[in-house]
Amino acid sequence: MLTLRSVIRLVTFLFVCLIYLNFSITTFASDHTLVPEQELKSAGFSRYELINPNLLIYPIKRLAERMETTLLFGKEDKTKYQYNLLDKRFKELIFIINFKKTGFLEETVQRYNSQLGYLIINNKNLAQDNKEKISNYIYVLKTLQDRYNSVSAYRLLIQQAIDSTRRLI
């Protein structure tokens, strides 16, 4: 019998498949990135999130995440999921920065910092288990930040994300 959780995951999977078809054609074909893909990979970044804040379907993704959060009952499961959400917010942030979607940058940084704030307040003790991964976030963000002018507002927003990430470690 299908549970509500499995139905949510199935619907989310179908949306991801649809978005992936569009994403794979447009994202990897784009030459208008701030940093080449090879340089990002050498900095330790693996891949972008499939559904990003610049897509109209993004609110549905966020709704599915909220629903999944409410369906988790164990503290350990919720904590692991919150760190998983942090990884998603990081990948979304890197996508927005690297593809110069600056109209979405402020909101994306706010979501990333909000997720960090939640983890700092509630689950900072597990940050040591993810210390290497979180330290890598800082390195990748600095790699992208260096491409902006030193007085740029975008550089300051990225610095805000870097400073918040340091607080979690």
Protein backbone atom coordinates (compact mmCIF):
# COMPACT_ATOMS: atom_id res chain seq x y z
CA MET A 1 0.00 0.00 0.00
CA LEU A 2 1.29 3.43 -0.89
CA THR A 3 1.97 5.77 1.99
CA LEU A 4 1.78 9.53 1.77
CA ARG A 5 5.56 9.71 1.95
CA SER A 6 6.02 7.36 -1.01
CA VAL A 7 3.44 9.31 -3.06
CA ILE A 8 5.29 12.56 -2.34
CA ARG A 9 8.58 10.98 -3.37
CA LEU A 10 7.03 9.60 -6.56
CA VAL A 11 5.59 12.98 -7.55
CA THR A 12 8.88 14.68 -6.72
CA PHE A 13 10.75 12.10 -8.79
CA LEU A 14 8.51 12.76 -11.80
CA PHE A 15 9.08 16.51 -11.51
CA VAL A 16 12.81 15.96 -11.23
CA CYS A 17 12.78 13.81 -14.37
CA LEU A 18 10.95 16.51 -16.30
CA ILE A 19 13.26 19.22 -15.06
CA TYR A 20 16.34 17.10 -15.70
CA LEU A 21 15.47 16.81 -19.37
CA ASN A 22 15.35 20.58 -19.64
CA PHE A 23 18.30 21.06 -17.26
CA SER A 24 20.68 18.74 -19.09
CA ILE A 25 20.04 20.48 -22.39
CA THR A 26 20.37 24.06 -21.14
CA THR A 27 22.83 23.93 -18.24
CA PHE A 28 25.68 21.94 -19.64
CA ALA A 29 25.43 23.61 -23.04
CA SER A 30 25.84 27.06 -21.55
CA ASP A 31 29.20 28.75 -21.98
CA HIS A 32 28.18 31.76 -19.95
CA THR A 33 29.40 30.67 -16.56
CA LEU A 34 31.53 32.59 -14.14
CA VAL A 35 33.91 29.68 -13.56
CA PRO A 36 34.50 26.79 -16.00
CA GLU A 37 33.10 23.43 -14.94
CA GLN A 38 36.58 21.88 -14.69
CA GLU A 39 37.71 24.56 -12.27
CA LEU A 40 34.67 23.98 -10.07
CA LYS A 41 35.31 20.25 -10.08
CA SER A 42 38.95 20.81 -9.14
CA ALA A 43 37.71 22.98 -6.25
CA GLY A 44 35.68 20.00 -5.01
CA PHE A 45 32.21 20.79 -6.35
CA SER A 46 30.46 17.72 -7.73
CA ARG A 47 27.21 18.77 -9.41
CA TYR A 48 24.40 21.30 -9.47
CA GLU A 49 20.96 20.78 -7.99
CA LEU A 50 18.39 19.73 -10.60
CA ILE A 51 15.67 22.20 -9.61
CA ASN A 52 17.03 25.68 -8.90
CA PRO A 53 15.44 28.95 -7.71
CA ASN A 54 15.31 30.36 -11.25
CA LEU A 55 12.76 27.73 -12.34
CA LEU A 56 9.01 28.17 -11.98
CA ILE A 57 8.72 24.70 -10.46
CA TYR A 58 11.00 25.61 -7.53
CA PRO A 59 8.13 26.38 -5.08
CA ILE A 60 6.79 22.86 -5.63
CA LYS A 61 10.20 21.45 -4.73
CA ARG A 62 10.24 23.50 -1.53
CA LEU A 63 6.73 22.35 -0.67
CA ALA A 64 7.75 18.71 -1.13
CA GLU A 65 10.76 19.30 1.16
CA ARG A 66 8.55 20.81 3.86
CA MET A 67 6.15 17.90 3.61
CA GLU A 68 8.98 15.40 3.90
CA THR A 69 10.33 17.26 6.93
CA THR A 70 6.99 16.95 8.70
CA LEU A 71 6.84 13.24 7.92
CA LEU A 72 10.16 12.53 9.65
CA PHE A 73 9.71 11.65 13.30
CA GLY A 74 13.10 10.57 14.63
CA LYS A 75 15.51 13.30 15.75
CA GLU A 76 18.42 11.58 13.99
CA ASP A 77 16.46 11.29 10.72
CA LYS A 78 15.46 14.96 10.90
CA THR A 79 19.04 16.01 11.56
CA LYS A 80 20.38 14.02 8.61
CA TYR A 81 17.66 15.48 6.40
CA GLN A 82 18.53 19.02 7.52
CA TYR A 83 22.16 18.45 6.50
CA ASN A 84 20.88 17.06 3.21
CA LEU A 85 18.85 20.26 2.74
CA LEU A 86 21.98 22.31 3.46
CA ASP A 87 23.76 20.45 0.66
CA LYS A 88 20.84 21.22 -1.68
CA ARG A 89 20.86 24.91 -0.74
CA PHE A 90 24.62 25.00 -1.35
CA LYS A 91 24.25 23.45 -4.82
CA GLU A 92 21.46 25.91 -5.64
CA LEU A 93 23.64 28.78 -4.50
CA ILE A 94 26.56 27.63 -6.64
CA PHE A 95 24.26 27.33 -9.66
CA ILE A 96 22.88 30.85 -9.18
CA ILE A 97 26.35 32.35 -8.71
CA ASN A 98 28.08 30.46 -11.50
CA PHE A 99 25.38 30.99 -14.11
CA LYS A 100 25.14 34.69 -13.15
CA LYS A 101 21.47 34.53 -12.17
CA THR A 102 22.07 37.54 -9.95
CA GLY A 103 18.39 38.44 -9.68
CA PHE A 104 17.99 35.32 -7.53
CA LEU A 105 21.25 35.66 -5.58
CA GLU A 106 20.00 37.54 -2.53
CA GLU A 107 17.07 35.17 -1.92
CA THR A 108 19.24 32.12 -2.50
CA VAL A 109 21.88 33.35 -0.03
CA GLN A 110 19.10 34.01 2.49
CA ARG A 111 17.76 30.45 2.12
CA TYR A 112 21.28 29.03 2.46
CA ASN A 113 22.00 31.15 5.54
CA SER A 114 18.63 30.26 7.02
CA GLN A 115 19.40 26.56 6.68
CA LEU A 116 22.81 27.15 8.27
CA GLY A 117 21.18 29.09 11.11
CA TYR A 118 18.76 26.26 11.79
CA LEU A 119 21.64 23.79 11.98
CA ILE A 120 23.76 26.10 14.16
CA ILE A 121 20.94 26.49 16.67
CA ASN A 122 19.62 22.92 16.68
CA ASN A 123 22.24 20.48 15.41
CA LYS A 124 25.70 22.00 15.54
CA ASN A 125 27.06 18.86 17.23
CA LEU A 126 26.87 16.92 13.95
CA ALA A 127 28.82 19.58 12.09
CA GLN A 128 32.04 17.85 13.15
CA ASP A 129 30.95 14.75 11.23
CA ASN A 130 30.53 16.89 8.11
CA LYS A 131 33.44 19.26 8.77
CA GLU A 132 35.41 18.37 5.64
CA LYS A 133 32.37 18.77 3.40
CA ILE A 134 31.39 22.08 5.02
CA SER A 135 34.98 23.38 4.77
CA ASN A 136 34.83 22.54 1.08
CA TYR A 137 31.72 24.73 0.78
CA ILE A 138 33.84 27.68 1.90
CA TYR A 139 36.57 26.90 -0.62
CA VAL A 140 34.12 26.65 -3.54
CA LEU A 141 32.33 29.85 -2.51
CA LYS A 142 35.65 31.69 -2.29
CA THR A 143 36.58 30.44 -5.76
CA LEU A 144 33.41 32.03 -7.14
CA GLN A 145 33.65 35.14 -4.98
CA ASP A 146 37.10 35.97 -6.36
CA ARG A 147 35.53 36.55 -9.79
CA TYR A 148 33.59 39.58 -8.59
CA ASN A 149 34.89 43.10 -8.10
CA SER A 150 35.91 43.80 -4.49
CA VAL A 151 33.18 46.44 -4.05
CA SER A 152 30.44 44.41 -5.71
CA ALA A 153 27.23 43.76 -3.79
CA TYR A 154 27.30 40.20 -5.12
CA ARG A 155 30.73 39.65 -3.59
CA LEU A 156 29.36 40.86 -0.24
CA LEU A 157 26.42 38.46 -0.44
CA ILE A 158 28.78 35.56 -1.12
CA GLN A 159 30.96 36.71 1.80
CA GLN A 160 27.86 36.60 4.00
CA ALA A 161 27.34 32.95 3.00
CA ILE A 162 31.02 32.18 3.69
CA ASP A 163 30.87 33.80 7.14
CA SER A 164 27.69 31.89 8.03
CA THR A 165 29.27 28.63 6.91
CA ARG A 166 32.29 29.26 9.14
CA ARG A 167 29.95 29.64 12.12
CA LEU A 168 28.69 26.09 11.64
CA ILE A 169 32.15 24.53 11.82
